[in-house]
Amino acid sequence: MPPKKPTARATGTTPSQPKQPSKAPPNVPRKAAPKAPKPVEEQLKRHFNSLSAQIDGGHFKNAIKTCNKILRLVPDDKDALDSKLFLLIQTDQYEAALELIKELPGPSDSAHLFEQAYLLYRLQKEDEAAEMVKRAQEAGEYEPRALSNLEAQIKYRQTDYEGAKEIYNELLDTIAEETEEHPDLLTNLNATQAHLDFLSSGYLAALNSLDISVGVLEDTGAPPLPGSGVTSSLSTALQQSKSTATTEATPAAPNPPRPSRLPKHVILGVTPMPDPERWLKKRERTTVQGGGRGGKKGRRKEGMGVGATQGLALPAEKERATSSGPTGGSVPTSSRGGGGKKGKKGR
């Protein structure tokens, strides 16, 4: 007979309970497993599609961010670098565009010469821009008309109007009138010619139109610079006279009542003013607020005032009584009050 399995009482131990799997607390979202990164080629394709759509839609700032995403994946991508340079110029970030050209791979001195000349011109560095244009013309890798147009603009800003005029005439001779470039070149040529006319004869006509002679104008000292703190006696006197006239013309405004002294329901300019006779007794007021027998409100009672009683003679009646004398036939005012029919006495 096989031996029996020892029980818990015989061994003095309790049987072990099977462990149940722990349950996650309710309403706690489980963390999703991280997704594997997409291949670089797929990311580049998606970024370039977004970049093309942003440039076509004119969203240049977002397009610059997309270029930065591409350059983080491929730092030396030529298309992304060129696109970013174009976008920086379009958004007037000229300093950042020059820094980007210096960081481009390869010899930066010979790369993007036209872009560097244009950026220097926009940054008002005309001398450096002119040198860069000469280098670009010697390299022969850029469009001659674009370089000539930029050179003319630089000469115009350097007040070399004769040189700018020659370049604009050459450009106008080699282009048709139906093109979009022709009106722009004609406008620039007219502006250059206007400056030349003023320097040659225009300023003389302007001087002759003045009432003051040129000699007196040259002998007069130059006016003080604005913001230098030096003012002439004439300007000081004018300012003082203006301040005095303003002070005399503007009367002092009365001080408004303090808001704390006004009741809460009173609004200045909106709430009607209180009755000035509200402190007097009703019989002493000139206007009676209540209605009489006839139902007329606000009826003015002349002759009513302080100490007025029934039977008081009015000033006009007193004057008539005095003027008529004792034989004038005037009837004195009764002291018993108003007339009316007397009531019949009882029999």
Protein backbone atom coordinates (compact mmCIF):
# COMPACT_ATOMS: atom_id res chain seq x y z
CA MET A 1 0.00 0.00 0.00
CA PRO A 2 1.60 3.30 -1.06
CA PRO A 3 2.31 5.87 1.61
CA LYS A 4 -0.26 8.62 2.02
CA LYS A 5 0.53 12.19 1.14
CA PRO A 6 1.25 14.13 4.32
CA THR A 7 -1.46 16.55 5.23
CA ALA A 8 -1.12 20.06 6.50
CA ARG A 9 -2.06 19.02 10.01
CA ALA A 10 0.57 16.26 10.08
CA THR A 11 3.36 18.44 8.80
CA GLY A 12 2.29 21.60 10.67
CA THR A 13 2.31 23.73 7.52
CA THR A 14 -0.49 25.28 5.48
CA PRO A 15 -0.88 24.58 1.77
CA SER A 16 0.37 27.47 -0.40
CA GLN A 17 -2.28 29.37 -2.36
CA PRO A 18 -1.64 29.78 -6.11
CA LYS A 19 -0.60 33.37 -6.99
CA GLN A 20 -3.07 35.26 -9.15
CA PRO A 21 -1.80 37.66 -11.80
CA SER A 22 -1.89 41.31 -10.67
CA LYS A 23 -4.48 43.42 -12.44
CA ALA A 24 -3.74 46.92 -13.62
CA PRO A 25 -5.82 49.62 -11.91
CA PRO A 26 -8.80 50.75 -13.97
CA ASN A 27 -8.82 53.95 -16.06
CA VAL A 28 -5.02 53.99 -16.41
CA PRO A 29 -3.93 54.15 -20.07
CA ARG A 30 -1.22 51.79 -21.05
CA LYS A 31 1.88 53.27 -22.61
CA ALA A 32 2.17 52.42 -26.26
CA ALA A 33 5.36 50.89 -27.43
CA PRO A 34 7.63 53.42 -29.19
CA LYS A 35 7.40 53.27 -32.94
CA ALA A 36 10.44 52.51 -34.94
CA PRO A 37 11.83 55.61 -36.74
CA LYS A 38 11.09 55.85 -40.42
CA PRO A 39 13.93 55.48 -42.88
CA VAL A 40 15.86 58.63 -43.74
CA GLU A 41 14.90 58.45 -47.39
CA GLU A 42 11.21 58.40 -46.53
CA GLN A 43 11.59 61.35 -44.16
CA LEU A 44 13.50 63.34 -46.79
CA LYS A 45 10.82 62.66 -49.38
CA ARG A 46 8.08 63.86 -47.02
CA HIS A 47 10.04 67.01 -46.03
CA PHE A 48 10.80 67.96 -49.64
CA ASN A 49 7.14 67.59 -50.57
CA SER A 50 6.21 69.91 -47.70
CA LEU A 51 8.97 72.35 -48.71
CA SER A 52 7.72 72.55 -52.29
CA ALA A 53 4.13 73.18 -51.17
CA GLN A 54 5.21 75.88 -48.68
CA ILE A 55 7.29 77.75 -51.25
CA ASP A 56 4.48 77.63 -53.80
CA GLY A 57 2.03 78.93 -51.18
CA GLY A 58 4.33 81.75 -50.05
CA HIS A 59 4.80 80.39 -46.51
CA PHE A 60 8.49 81.23 -46.39
CA LYS A 61 8.97 81.13 -42.61
CA ASN A 62 7.55 77.62 -42.37
CA ALA A 63 9.67 76.64 -45.37
CA ILE A 64 12.82 77.73 -43.52
CA LYS A 65 11.87 75.44 -40.64
CA THR A 66 11.41 72.57 -43.10
CA CYS A 67 14.88 73.25 -44.55
CA ASN A 68 16.33 73.04 -41.06
CA LYS A 69 14.67 69.65 -40.59
CA ILE A 70 16.22 68.40 -43.82
CA LEU A 71 19.65 69.75 -42.88
CA ARG A 72 19.47 67.95 -39.53
CA LEU A 73 19.13 64.70 -41.44
CA VAL A 74 21.61 65.56 -44.22
CA PRO A 75 23.77 68.58 -43.24
CA ASP A 76 25.38 68.99 -46.69
CA ASP A 77 22.27 68.65 -48.86
CA LYS A 78 22.80 71.16 -51.71
CA ASP A 79 19.12 71.55 -52.59
CA ALA A 80 18.17 72.31 -49.00
CA LEU A 81 21.02 74.83 -48.65
CA ASP A 82 20.12 76.66 -51.85
CA SER A 83 16.46 76.73 -50.87
CA LYS A 84 17.29 78.13 -47.45
CA LEU A 85 19.49 80.84 -49.00
CA PHE A 86 16.68 81.85 -51.33
CA LEU A 87 14.18 81.93 -48.46
CA LEU A 88 16.44 84.05 -46.25
CA ILE A 89 16.77 86.62 -49.03
CA GLN A 90 13.01 86.64 -49.59
CA THR A 91 12.37 87.28 -45.89
CA ASP A 92 14.97 90.14 -45.74
CA GLN A 93 17.34 88.22 -43.45
CA TYR A 94 20.48 89.48 -45.18
CA GLU A 95 22.94 88.95 -42.33
CA ALA A 96 21.81 85.36 -41.86
CA ALA A 97 22.08 84.76 -45.61
CA LEU A 98 25.71 85.99 -45.65
CA GLU A 99 26.55 83.73 -42.72
CA LEU A 100 24.96 80.79 -44.53
CA ILE A 101 27.10 81.45 -47.64
CA LYS A 102 30.24 81.41 -45.50
CA GLU A 103 29.23 78.07 -43.97
CA LEU A 104 28.55 76.41 -47.32
CA PRO A 105 30.87 73.52 -48.19
CA GLY A 106 33.56 74.33 -50.73
CA PRO A 107 35.39 77.61 -51.45
CA SER A 108 33.10 80.34 -50.21
CA ASP A 109 35.11 83.11 -51.91
CA SER A 110 34.10 82.04 -55.41
CA ALA A 111 30.60 80.66 -54.64
CA HIS A 112 27.42 82.72 -54.86
CA LEU A 113 29.20 85.91 -55.90
CA PHE A 114 26.04 87.50 -57.28
CA GLU A 115 24.09 86.71 -54.11
CA GLN A 116 26.88 88.16 -51.97
CA ALA A 117 26.94 91.36 -54.05
CA TYR A 118 23.19 91.76 -53.75
CA LEU A 119 23.25 91.14 -50.00
CA LEU A 120 26.04 93.69 -49.49
CA TYR A 121 24.07 96.20 -51.57
CA ARG A 122 20.97 95.69 -49.40
CA LEU A 123 23.09 96.10 -46.27
CA GLN A 124 24.27 99.50 -47.64
CA LYS A 125 27.84 98.34 -48.14
CA GLU A 126 28.19 99.74 -51.63
CA ASP A 127 32.01 99.57 -51.94
CA GLU A 128 32.16 95.88 -51.03
CA ALA A 129 29.19 95.17 -53.29
CA ALA A 130 30.94 96.89 -56.24
CA GLU A 131 34.06 94.74 -55.70
CA MET A 132 31.92 91.61 -55.59
CA VAL A 133 30.23 92.59 -58.87
CA LYS A 134 33.62 92.97 -60.57
CA ARG A 135 34.64 89.51 -59.37
CA ALA A 136 31.42 88.01 -60.64
CA GLN A 137 31.91 89.67 -64.05
CA GLU A 138 35.43 88.28 -64.26
CA ALA A 139 34.22 84.79 -63.35
CA GLY A 140 31.78 84.81 -66.27
CA GLU A 141 29.39 82.37 -64.59
CA TYR A 142 26.47 84.74 -64.09
CA GLU A 143 23.96 86.48 -66.32
CA PRO A 144 25.46 89.71 -67.65
CA ARG A 145 22.17 91.67 -67.61
CA ALA A 146 21.55 90.90 -63.94
CA LEU A 147 25.08 92.00 -63.04
CA SER A 148 24.73 95.20 -65.11
CA ASN A 149 21.43 96.08 -63.47
CA LEU A 150 22.91 95.56 -60.00
CA GLU A 151 25.99 97.61 -60.93
CA ALA A 152 23.78 100.50 -62.09
CA GLN A 153 21.87 100.49 -58.81
CA ILE A 154 25.14 100.53 -56.84
CA LYS A 155 26.43 103.48 -58.91
CA TYR A 156 23.17 105.34 -58.38
CA ARG A 157 23.48 104.94 -54.63
CA GLN A 158 27.11 106.08 -54.79
CA THR A 159 25.88 109.29 -56.57
CA ASP A 160 27.66 108.25 -59.76
CA TYR A 161 24.68 109.25 -61.87
CA GLU A 162 26.61 109.47 -65.14
CA GLY A 163 27.79 105.86 -64.84
CA ALA A 164 24.31 104.65 -63.87
CA LYS A 165 22.79 106.53 -66.84
CA GLU A 166 25.18 104.87 -69.32
CA ILE A 167 24.36 101.39 -68.02
CA TYR A 168 20.60 102.01 -68.13
CA ASN A 169 20.83 103.31 -71.71
CA GLU A 170 22.73 100.18 -72.76
CA LEU A 171 20.16 97.94 -71.13
CA LEU A 172 17.26 99.80 -72.77
CA ASP A 173 18.87 99.53 -76.22
CA THR A 174 19.03 95.74 -75.97
CA ILE A 175 15.50 95.01 -74.79
CA ALA A 176 12.05 95.21 -76.37
CA GLU A 177 9.40 97.61 -75.12
CA GLU A 178 6.86 94.80 -74.60
CA THR A 179 8.90 93.11 -71.87
CA GLU A 180 8.27 93.60 -68.15
CA GLU A 181 11.81 94.83 -67.59
CA HIS A 182 11.47 97.85 -69.90
CA PRO A 183 9.20 100.00 -67.61
CA ASP A 184 11.49 99.41 -64.62
CA LEU A 185 14.59 100.41 -66.55
CA LEU A 186 12.84 103.50 -67.91
CA THR A 187 11.79 104.56 -64.39
CA ASN A 188 15.35 104.19 -63.09
CA LEU A 189 16.71 106.15 -66.05
CA ASN A 190 14.26 109.02 -65.44
CA ALA A 191 15.24 109.18 -61.76
CA THR A 192 18.93 109.30 -62.69
CA GLN A 193 18.32 112.05 -65.27
CA ALA A 194 16.34 114.08 -62.70
CA HIS A 195 19.32 114.06 -60.34
CA LEU A 196 21.66 115.11 -63.13
CA ASP A 197 19.36 117.99 -64.10
CA PHE A 198 19.16 119.22 -60.51
CA LEU A 199 22.94 119.15 -60.07
CA SER A 200 23.55 120.97 -63.34
CA SER A 201 20.85 123.66 -63.30
CA GLY A 202 18.03 122.82 -60.94
CA TYR A 203 19.67 124.02 -57.74
CA LEU A 204 20.49 127.40 -59.34
CA ALA A 205 16.86 127.94 -60.23
CA ALA A 206 15.88 126.98 -56.68
CA LEU A 207 18.34 129.53 -55.25
CA ASN A 208 17.07 132.28 -57.54
CA SER A 209 13.49 131.63 -56.43
CA LEU A 210 14.42 132.44 -52.81
CA ASP A 211 13.85 135.93 -51.40
CA ILE A 212 17.23 135.93 -49.65
CA SER A 213 20.53 136.43 -51.42
CA VAL A 214 23.06 133.62 -51.64
CA GLY A 215 25.76 135.74 -49.95
CA VAL A 216 23.62 136.40 -46.90
CA LEU A 217 22.64 132.74 -46.76
CA GLU A 218 26.29 131.67 -46.80
CA ASP A 219 27.29 134.19 -44.11
CA THR A 220 24.51 133.03 -41.79
CA GLY A 221 25.60 130.43 -39.28
CA ALA A 222 24.30 126.91 -39.55
CA PRO A 223 21.31 126.11 -37.35
CA PRO A 224 21.91 123.82 -34.36
CA LEU A 225 21.55 120.12 -34.92
CA PRO A 226 18.39 118.50 -33.58
CA GLY A 227 18.95 116.88 -30.23
CA SER A 228 22.20 118.78 -29.53
CA GLY A 229 20.65 120.73 -26.63
CA VAL A 230 21.56 124.11 -28.19
CA THR A 231 18.63 126.33 -29.12
CA SER A 232 18.62 129.78 -30.64
CA SER A 233 17.16 132.82 -28.89
CA LEU A 234 14.45 133.13 -31.55
CA SER A 235 13.21 129.58 -31.06
CA THR A 236 13.28 130.03 -27.29
CA ALA A 237 11.24 133.25 -27.52
CA LEU A 238 8.73 131.59 -29.82
CA GLN A 239 8.29 128.69 -27.45
CA GLN A 240 7.81 131.02 -24.48
CA SER A 241 5.23 133.12 -26.35
CA LYS A 242 3.33 130.00 -27.38
CA SER A 243 3.27 128.68 -23.83
CA THR A 244 2.09 132.07 -22.48
CA ALA A 245 -0.69 132.36 -25.07
CA THR A 246 -1.85 128.86 -24.33
CA THR A 247 -1.92 129.55 -20.58
CA GLU A 248 -3.92 132.78 -21.02
CA ALA A 249 -6.36 131.35 -23.53
CA THR A 250 -7.14 128.26 -21.48
CA PRO A 251 -9.12 129.15 -18.30
CA ALA A 252 -8.66 127.08 -15.21
CA ALA A 253 -11.31 124.38 -15.09
CA PRO A 254 -13.26 124.11 -11.81
CA ASN A 255 -12.47 121.17 -9.67
CA PRO A 256 -15.12 118.47 -10.07
CA PRO A 257 -16.78 117.15 -6.90
CA ARG A 258 -15.18 114.22 -5.28
CA PRO A 259 -16.81 110.91 -6.19
CA SER A 260 -16.84 109.89 -2.54
CA ARG A 261 -19.15 112.83 -1.66
CA LEU A 262 -21.79 111.93 -4.24
CA PRO A 263 -24.54 109.40 -3.51
CA LYS A 264 -24.28 106.10 -5.27
CA HIS A 265 -27.37 106.69 -7.43
CA VAL A 266 -26.17 110.11 -8.70
CA ILE A 267 -24.44 110.29 -12.07
CA LEU A 268 -22.95 113.63 -13.08
CA GLY A 269 -24.60 115.02 -16.21
CA VAL A 270 -27.36 112.38 -16.17
CA THR A 271 -29.21 112.58 -12.87
CA PRO A 272 -31.46 115.72 -12.71
CA MET A 273 -30.47 118.39 -10.22
CA PRO A 274 -32.46 118.57 -6.94
CA ASP A 275 -35.00 121.31 -6.23
CA PRO A 276 -33.18 124.30 -4.68
CA GLU A 277 -36.30 125.07 -2.49
CA ARG A 278 -36.55 121.58 -1.06
CA TRP A 279 -35.50 122.88 2.38
CA LEU A 280 -38.36 125.42 2.58
CA LYS A 281 -41.84 124.76 3.78
CA LYS A 282 -44.42 124.15 1.11
CA ARG A 283 -46.31 127.35 1.87
CA GLU A 284 -43.05 129.30 1.49
CA ARG A 285 -42.14 127.87 -1.92
CA THR A 286 -42.79 129.72 -5.15
CA THR A 287 -43.94 126.59 -6.93
CA VAL A 288 -46.49 124.23 -5.46
CA GLN A 289 -45.78 120.60 -6.23
CA GLY A 290 -49.25 119.28 -5.40
CA GLY A 291 -52.42 119.74 -7.46
CA GLY A 292 -55.22 122.11 -6.51
CA ARG A 293 -58.93 121.85 -7.02
CA GLY A 294 -58.58 122.36 -10.72
CA GLY A 295 -56.03 119.61 -10.98
CA LYS A 296 -53.27 121.94 -12.19
CA LYS A 297 -49.85 120.97 -10.95
CA GLY A 298 -46.92 123.24 -10.62
CA ARG A 299 -49.10 126.35 -10.75
CA ARG A 300 -47.27 129.45 -9.61
CA LYS A 301 -49.01 131.45 -6.88
CA GLU A 302 -47.94 135.03 -6.92
CA GLY A 303 -48.02 136.89 -3.70
CA MET A 304 -47.43 133.81 -1.64
CA GLY A 305 -44.36 133.98 0.48
CA VAL A 306 -43.14 134.20 3.97
CA GLY A 307 -45.92 135.50 6.27
CA ALA A 308 -48.58 135.56 3.51
CA THR A 309 -52.14 135.23 4.79
CA GLN A 310 -55.62 135.39 3.34
CA GLY A 311 -56.82 138.86 2.48
CA LEU A 312 -53.30 140.27 1.89
CA ALA A 313 -53.40 143.11 -0.61
CA LEU A 314 -51.17 142.69 -3.66
CA PRO A 315 -48.66 145.42 -4.48
CA ALA A 316 -50.62 146.54 -7.54
CA GLU A 317 -53.88 146.79 -5.56
CA LYS A 318 -52.12 148.81 -2.85
CA GLU A 319 -50.86 151.23 -5.44
CA ARG A 320 -54.36 151.69 -6.95
CA ALA A 321 -55.86 152.20 -3.49
CA THR A 322 -53.30 154.87 -2.61
CA SER A 323 -53.65 156.69 -5.88
CA SER A 324 -57.49 156.74 -5.84
CA GLY A 325 -57.77 158.24 -2.35
CA PRO A 326 -60.72 157.98 -0.01
CA THR A 327 -63.22 159.17 -2.68
CA GLY A 328 -61.87 157.11 -5.50
CA GLY A 329 -64.49 154.45 -5.17
CA SER A 330 -61.98 151.71 -4.73
CA VAL A 331 -63.11 148.73 -2.77
CA PRO A 332 -60.62 147.67 -0.14
CA THR A 333 -59.69 144.05 0.01
CA SER A 334 -61.61 142.11 2.57
CA SER A 335 -59.67 140.57 5.35
CA ARG A 336 -61.89 137.50 5.33
CA GLY A 337 -60.60 136.07 2.11
CA GLY A 338 -62.15 135.23 -1.22
CA GLY A 339 -65.55 136.41 -2.36
CA GLY A 340 -68.06 133.97 -3.65
CA LYS A 341 -71.70 133.62 -2.72
CA LYS A 342 -72.62 133.76 0.92
CA GLY A 343 -74.38 130.81 2.27
CA LYS A 344 -78.00 131.31 3.41
CA LYS A 345 -78.56 131.40 7.08
CA GLY A 346 -80.90 128.98 8.50
CA ARG A 347 -84.33 130.22 9.35
